[in-house]
Amino acid sequence: MNNKNEGLKEVGKGLITLANLFLILFFLNNYLQHESFSVVGILLSVYTVIMLYYTGYTAINKGGDAC
């Protein structure tokens, strides 16, 4: 049971790392293409980052609560 909880925490940490990577790529893309941007693309990027953070923190908290 403890291995499952540790695995869930690791998945959560991986999702948060992925969210950080997407955030860096999002800002880099906006910096490089500052003259032409898509509002829909920005909204989807922000939504993706928020959902990855939320899912990651939820996985970490569920892994910690089950111990």
PDB file of N, CA and C in Angstrom:
ATOM      1  N   MET A   1       0.823  -1.192   0.000  1.00  0.00           N
ATOM      2  CA  MET A   1       0.000   0.000   0.000  1.00  0.00           C
ATOM      3  C   MET A   1       0.864   1.251   0.000  1.00  0.00           C
ATOM      4  N   ASN A   2       1.980   1.204   0.694  1.00  0.00           N
ATOM      5  CA  ASN A   2       2.851   2.367   0.767  1.00  0.00           C
ATOM      6  C   ASN A   2       3.480   2.671  -0.587  1.00  0.00           C
ATOM      7  N   ASN A   3       3.775   1.618  -1.374  1.00  0.00           N
ATOM      8  CA  ASN A   3       4.350   1.838  -2.705  1.00  0.00           C
ATOM      9  C   ASN A   3       3.371   2.561  -3.617  1.00  0.00           C
ATOM     10  N   LYS A   4       2.081   2.256  -3.471  1.00  0.00           N
ATOM     11  CA  LYS A   4       1.065   2.929  -4.281  1.00  0.00           C
ATOM     12  C   LYS A   4       1.007   4.415  -3.928  1.00  0.00           C
ATOM     13  N   ASN A   5       1.092   4.716  -2.643  1.00  0.00           N
ATOM     14  CA  ASN A   5       1.057   6.115  -2.205  1.00  0.00           C
ATOM     15  C   ASN A   5       2.284   6.874  -2.703  1.00  0.00           C
ATOM     16  N   GLU A   6       3.439   6.237  -2.611  1.00  0.00           N
ATOM     17  CA  GLU A   6       4.666   6.873  -3.104  1.00  0.00           C
ATOM     18  C   GLU A   6       4.589   7.072  -4.615  1.00  0.00           C
ATOM     19  N   GLY A   7       4.025   6.095  -5.314  1.00  0.00           N
ATOM     20  CA  GLY A   7       3.868   6.225  -6.761  1.00  0.00           C
ATOM     21  C   GLY A   7       2.948   7.369  -7.132  1.00  0.00           C
ATOM     22  N   LEU A   8       1.881   7.531  -6.362  1.00  0.00           N
ATOM     23  CA  LEU A   8       0.941   8.625  -6.614  1.00  0.00           C
ATOM     24  C   LEU A   8       1.611   9.973  -6.383  1.00  0.00           C
ATOM     25  N   LYS A   9       2.450  10.054  -5.350  1.00  0.00           N
ATOM     26  CA  LYS A   9       3.191  11.294  -5.106  1.00  0.00           C
ATOM     27  C   LYS A   9       4.151  11.587  -6.255  1.00  0.00           C
ATOM     28  N   GLU A  10       4.813  10.550  -6.766  1.00  0.00           N
ATOM     29  CA  GLU A  10       5.754  10.745  -7.876  1.00  0.00           C
ATOM     30  C   GLU A  10       5.023  11.182  -9.142  1.00  0.00           C
ATOM     31  N   VAL A  11       3.848  10.630  -9.381  1.00  0.00           N
ATOM     32  CA  VAL A  11       3.050  11.060 -10.541  1.00  0.00           C
ATOM     33  C   VAL A  11       2.671  12.527 -10.392  1.00  0.00           C
ATOM     34  N   GLY A  12       2.276  12.919  -9.189  1.00  0.00           N
ATOM     35  CA  GLY A  12       1.935  14.322  -8.938  1.00  0.00           C
ATOM     36  C   GLY A  12       3.112  15.246  -9.168  1.00  0.00           C
ATOM     37  N   LYS A  13       4.290  14.839  -8.691  1.00  0.00           N
ATOM     38  CA  LYS A  13       5.490  15.655  -8.906  1.00  0.00           C
ATOM     39  C   LYS A  13       5.826  15.741 -10.392  1.00  0.00           C
ATOM     40  N   GLY A  14       5.633  14.646 -11.118  1.00  0.00           N
ATOM     41  CA  GLY A  14       5.882  14.659 -12.560  1.00  0.00           C
ATOM     42  C   GLY A  14       4.933  15.592 -13.292  1.00  0.00           C
ATOM     43  N   LEU A  15       3.667  15.599 -12.889  1.00  0.00           N
ATOM     44  CA  LEU A  15       2.690  16.491 -13.522  1.00  0.00           C
ATOM     45  C   LEU A  15       3.010  17.956 -13.240  1.00  0.00           C
ATOM     46  N   ILE A  16       3.454  18.254 -12.033  1.00  0.00           N
ATOM     47  CA  ILE A  16       3.822  19.637 -11.714  1.00  0.00           C
ATOM     48  C   ILE A  16       5.059  20.052 -12.505  1.00  0.00           C
ATOM     49  N   THR A  17       6.009  19.136 -12.660  1.00  0.00           N
ATOM     50  CA  THR A  17       7.185  19.430 -13.483  1.00  0.00           C
ATOM     51  C   THR A  17       6.777  19.681 -14.928  1.00  0.00           C
ATOM     52  N   LEU A  18       5.849  18.875 -15.434  1.00  0.00           N
ATOM     53  CA  LEU A  18       5.356  19.072 -16.796  1.00  0.00           C
ATOM     54  C   LEU A  18       4.644  20.416 -16.925  1.00  0.00           C
ATOM     55  N   ALA A  19       3.884  20.803 -15.910  1.00  0.00           N
ATOM     56  CA  ALA A  19       3.211  22.108 -15.925  1.00  0.00           C
ATOM     57  C   ALA A  19       4.229  23.239 -15.949  1.00  0.00           C
ATOM     58  N   ASN A  20       5.308  23.100 -15.175  1.00  0.00           N
ATOM     59  CA  ASN A  20       6.360  24.127 -15.192  1.00  0.00           C
ATOM     60  C   ASN A  20       7.007  24.223 -16.565  1.00  0.00           C
ATOM     61  N   LEU A  21       7.236  23.083 -17.201  1.00  0.00           N
ATOM     62  CA  LEU A  21       7.819  23.083 -18.543  1.00  0.00           C
ATOM     63  C   LEU A  21       6.892  23.769 -19.539  1.00  0.00           C
ATOM     64  N   PHE A  22       5.591  23.444 -19.482  1.00  0.00           N
ATOM     65  CA  PHE A  22       4.630  24.097 -20.369  1.00  0.00           C
ATOM     66  C   PHE A  22       4.585  25.596 -20.122  1.00  0.00           C
ATOM     67  N   LEU A  23       4.689  26.008 -18.865  1.00  0.00           N
ATOM     68  CA  LEU A  23       4.665  27.433 -18.538  1.00  0.00           C
ATOM     69  C   LEU A  23       5.867  28.153 -19.134  1.00  0.00           C
ATOM     70  N   ILE A  24       7.045  27.547 -19.029  1.00  0.00           N
ATOM     71  CA  ILE A  24       8.251  28.133 -19.619  1.00  0.00           C
ATOM     72  C   ILE A  24       8.118  28.210 -21.133  1.00  0.00           C
ATOM     73  N   LEU A  25       7.643  27.131 -21.755  1.00  0.00           N
ATOM     74  CA  LEU A  25       7.463  27.138 -23.211  1.00  0.00           C
ATOM     75  C   LEU A  25       6.416  28.156 -23.637  1.00  0.00           C
ATOM     76  N   PHE A  26       5.364  28.322 -22.843  1.00  0.00           N
ATOM     77  CA  PHE A  26       4.321  29.293 -23.144  1.00  0.00           C
ATOM     78  C   PHE A  26       4.882  30.716 -23.147  1.00  0.00           C
ATOM     79  N   PHE A  27       5.652  31.058 -22.108  1.00  0.00           N
ATOM     80  CA  PHE A  27       6.239  32.400 -22.052  1.00  0.00           C
ATOM     81  C   PHE A  27       7.288  32.599 -23.141  1.00  0.00           C
ATOM     82  N   LEU A  28       8.073  31.577 -23.432  1.00  0.00           N
ATOM     83  CA  LEU A  28       9.070  31.673 -24.494  1.00  0.00           C
ATOM     84  C   LEU A  28       8.391  31.869 -25.848  1.00  0.00           C
ATOM     85  N   ASN A  29       7.307  31.138 -26.089  1.00  0.00           N
ATOM     86  CA  ASN A  29       6.584  31.274 -27.349  1.00  0.00           C
ATOM     87  C   ASN A  29       5.985  32.672 -27.486  1.00  0.00           C
ATOM     88  N   ASN A  30       5.422  33.195 -26.408  1.00  0.00           N
ATOM     89  CA  ASN A  30       4.867  34.554 -26.465  1.00  0.00           C
ATOM     90  C   ASN A  30       5.957  35.593 -26.668  1.00  0.00           C
ATOM     91  N   TYR A  31       7.132  35.366 -26.093  1.00  0.00           N
ATOM     92  CA  TYR A  31       8.243  36.305 -26.266  1.00  0.00           C
ATOM     93  C   TYR A  31       8.742  36.291 -27.709  1.00  0.00           C
ATOM     94  N   LEU A  32       8.836  35.098 -28.298  1.00  0.00           N
ATOM     95  CA  LEU A  32       9.358  34.998 -29.658  1.00  0.00           C
ATOM     96  C   LEU A  32       8.348  35.457 -30.701  1.00  0.00           C
ATOM     97  N   GLN A  33       7.055  35.297 -30.427  1.00  0.00           N
ATOM     98  CA  GLN A  33       6.022  35.677 -31.391  1.00  0.00           C
ATOM     99  C   GLN A  33       5.155  36.797 -30.815  1.00  0.00           C
ATOM    100  N   HIS A  34       5.794  37.846 -30.355  1.00  0.00           N
ATOM    101  CA  HIS A  34       5.058  38.907 -29.680  1.00  0.00           C
ATOM    102  C   HIS A  34       4.171  39.708 -30.616  1.00  0.00           C
ATOM    103  N   GLU A  35       4.399  39.620 -31.927  1.00  0.00           N
ATOM    104  CA  GLU A  35       3.585  40.401 -32.856  1.00  0.00           C
ATOM    105  C   GLU A  35       2.324  39.662 -33.282  1.00  0.00           C
ATOM    106  N   SER A  36       2.371  38.342 -33.278  1.00  0.00           N
ATOM    107  CA  SER A  36       1.191  37.572 -33.684  1.00  0.00           C
ATOM    108  C   SER A  36       0.915  36.499 -32.639  1.00  0.00           C
ATOM    109  N   PHE A  37      -0.251  36.591 -32.026  1.00  0.00           N
ATOM    110  CA  PHE A  37      -0.627  35.595 -31.034  1.00  0.00           C
ATOM    111  C   PHE A  37      -2.105  35.290 -31.180  1.00  0.00           C
ATOM    112  N   SER A  38      -2.497  34.142 -30.686  1.00  0.00           N
ATOM    113  CA  SER A  38      -3.875  33.700 -30.761  1.00  0.00           C
ATOM    114  C   SER A  38      -4.470  33.689 -29.359  1.00  0.00           C
ATOM    115  N   VAL A  39      -5.617  34.314 -29.205  1.00  0.00           N
ATOM    116  CA  VAL A  39      -6.277  34.340 -27.904  1.00  0.00           C
ATOM    117  C   VAL A  39      -6.687  32.932 -27.497  1.00  0.00           C
ATOM    118  N   VAL A  40      -7.169  32.145 -28.444  1.00  0.00           N
ATOM    119  CA  VAL A  40      -7.564  30.768 -28.149  1.00  0.00           C
ATOM    120  C   VAL A  40      -6.350  29.954 -27.724  1.00  0.00           C
ATOM    121  N   GLY A  41      -5.225  30.148 -28.385  1.00  0.00           N
ATOM    122  CA  GLY A  41      -4.001  29.440 -28.010  1.00  0.00           C
ATOM    123  C   GLY A  41      -3.543  29.796 -26.610  1.00  0.00           C
ATOM    124  N   ILE A  42      -3.645  31.070 -26.260  1.00  0.00           N
ATOM    125  CA  ILE A  42      -3.260  31.506 -24.914  1.00  0.00           C
ATOM    126  C   ILE A  42      -4.200  30.907 -23.872  1.00  0.00           C
ATOM    127  N   LEU A  43      -5.506  30.929 -24.138  1.00  0.00           N
ATOM    128  CA  LEU A  43      -6.460  30.369 -23.181  1.00  0.00           C
ATOM    129  C   LEU A  43      -6.257  28.873 -22.995  1.00  0.00           C
ATOM    130  N   LEU A  44      -6.000  28.149 -24.080  1.00  0.00           N
ATOM    131  CA  LEU A  44      -5.747  26.712 -23.965  1.00  0.00           C
ATOM    132  C   LEU A  44      -4.459  26.433 -23.204  1.00  0.00           C
ATOM    133  N   SER A  45      -3.444  27.245 -23.424  1.00  0.00           N
ATOM    134  CA  SER A  45      -2.184  27.064 -22.704  1.00  0.00           C
ATOM    135  C   SER A  45      -2.367  27.311 -21.213  1.00  0.00           C
ATOM    136  N   VAL A  46      -3.064  28.370 -20.865  1.00  0.00           N
ATOM    137  CA  VAL A  46      -3.308  28.677 -19.454  1.00  0.00           C
ATOM    138  C   VAL A  46      -4.151  27.577 -18.810  1.00  0.00           C
ATOM    139  N   TYR A  47      -5.177  27.112 -19.508  1.00  0.00           N
ATOM    140  CA  TYR A  47      -6.027  26.035 -18.990  1.00  0.00           C
ATOM    141  C   TYR A  47      -5.216  24.759 -18.768  1.00  0.00           C
ATOM    142  N   THR A  48      -4.345  24.419 -19.714  1.00  0.00           N
ATOM    143  CA  THR A  48      -3.521  23.219 -19.590  1.00  0.00           C
ATOM    144  C   THR A  48      -2.603  23.306 -18.383  1.00  0.00           C
ATOM    145  N   VAL A  49      -1.947  24.435 -18.197  1.00  0.00           N
ATOM    146  CA  VAL A  49      -1.031  24.598 -17.065  1.00  0.00           C
ATOM    147  C   VAL A  49      -1.795  24.515 -15.744  1.00  0.00           C
ATOM    148  N   ILE A  50      -2.943  25.170 -15.657  1.00  0.00           N
ATOM    149  CA  ILE A  50      -3.726  25.143 -14.414  1.00  0.00           C
ATOM    150  C   ILE A  50      -4.200  23.729 -14.104  1.00  0.00           C
ATOM    151  N   MET A  51      -4.678  23.009 -15.111  1.00  0.00           N
ATOM    152  CA  MET A  51      -5.155  21.653 -14.871  1.00  0.00           C
ATOM    153  C   MET A  51      -4.016  20.712 -14.488  1.00  0.00           C
ATOM    154  N   LEU A  52      -2.834  20.889 -15.063  1.00  0.00           N
ATOM    155  CA  LEU A  52      -1.697  20.053 -14.677  1.00  0.00           C
ATOM    156  C   LEU A  52      -1.286  20.323 -13.234  1.00  0.00           C
ATOM    157  N   TYR A  53      -1.250  21.600 -12.843  1.00  0.00           N
ATOM    158  CA  TYR A  53      -0.945  21.931 -11.445  1.00  0.00           C
ATOM    159  C   TYR A  53      -1.992  21.325 -10.505  1.00  0.00           C
ATOM    160  N   TYR A  54      -3.260  21.486 -10.841  1.00  0.00           N
ATOM    161  CA  TYR A  54      -4.340  20.975  -9.994  1.00  0.00           C
ATOM    162  C   TYR A  54      -4.269  19.453  -9.865  1.00  0.00           C
ATOM    163  N   THR A  55      -4.076  18.771 -10.977  1.00  0.00           N
ATOM    164  CA  THR A  55      -3.992  17.310 -10.950  1.00  0.00           C
ATOM    165  C   THR A  55      -2.768  16.851 -10.175  1.00  0.00           C
ATOM    166  N   GLY A  56      -1.648  17.531 -10.338  1.00  0.00           N
ATOM    167  CA  GLY A  56      -0.433  17.172  -9.617  1.00  0.00           C
ATOM    168  C   GLY A  56      -0.581  17.343  -8.122  1.00  0.00           C
ATOM    169  N   TYR A  57      -1.110  18.478  -7.692  1.00  0.00           N
ATOM    170  CA  TYR A  57      -1.292  18.703  -6.257  1.00  0.00           C
ATOM    171  C   TYR A  57      -2.333  17.750  -5.672  1.00  0.00           C
ATOM    172  N   THR A  58      -3.378  17.434  -6.437  1.00  0.00           N
ATOM    173  CA  THR A  58      -4.371  16.476  -5.963  1.00  0.00           C
ATOM    174  C   THR A  58      -3.747  15.100  -5.783  1.00  0.00           C
ATOM    175  N   ALA A  59      -2.917  14.682  -6.733  1.00  0.00           N
ATOM    176  CA  ALA A  59      -2.261  13.377  -6.623  1.00  0.00           C
ATOM    177  C   ALA A  59      -1.312  13.336  -5.429  1.00  0.00           C
ATOM    178  N   ILE A  60      -0.570  14.411  -5.206  1.00  0.00           N
ATOM    179  CA  ILE A  60       0.344  14.451  -4.055  1.00  0.00           C
ATOM    180  C   ILE A  60      -0.447  14.407  -2.746  1.00  0.00           C
ATOM    181  N   ASN A  61      -1.534  15.158  -2.664  1.00  0.00           N
ATOM    182  CA  ASN A  61      -2.330  15.177  -1.435  1.00  0.00           C
ATOM    183  C   ASN A  61      -3.009  13.841  -1.179  1.00  0.00           C
ATOM    184  N   LYS A  62      -3.521  13.189  -2.218  1.00  0.00           N
ATOM    185  CA  LYS A  62      -4.146  11.881  -2.038  1.00  0.00           C
ATOM    186  C   LYS A  62      -3.111  10.842  -1.632  1.00  0.00           C
ATOM    187  N   GLY A  63      -1.909  10.942  -2.158  1.00  0.00           N
ATOM    188  CA  GLY A  63      -0.843  10.025  -1.761  1.00  0.00           C
ATOM    189  C   GLY A  63      -0.432  10.231  -0.322  1.00  0.00           C
ATOM    190  N   GLY A  64      -0.459  11.476   0.147  1.00  0.00           N
ATOM    191  CA  GLY A  64      -0.085  11.772   1.527  1.00  0.00           C
ATOM    192  C   GLY A  64      -1.178  11.415   2.521  1.00  0.00           C
ATOM    193  N   ASP A  65      -2.456  11.575   2.118  1.00  0.00           N
ATOM    194  CA  ASP A  65      -3.565  11.289   3.024  1.00  0.00           C
ATOM    195  C   ASP A  65      -3.749   9.797   3.262  1.00  0.00           C
ATOM    196  N   ALA A  66      -3.398   8.991   2.272  1.00  0.00           N
ATOM    197  CA  ALA A  66      -3.638   7.556   2.383  1.00  0.00           C
ATOM    198  C   ALA A  66      -2.602   6.859   3.252  1.00  0.00           C
ATOM    199  N   CYS A  67      -1.509   7.547   3.611  1.00  0.00           N
ATOM    200  CA  CYS A  67      -0.450   6.916   4.418  1.00  0.00           C
ATOM    201  C   CYS A  67      -0.915   6.616   5.819  1.00  0.00           C
TER     202      CYS A  67
END
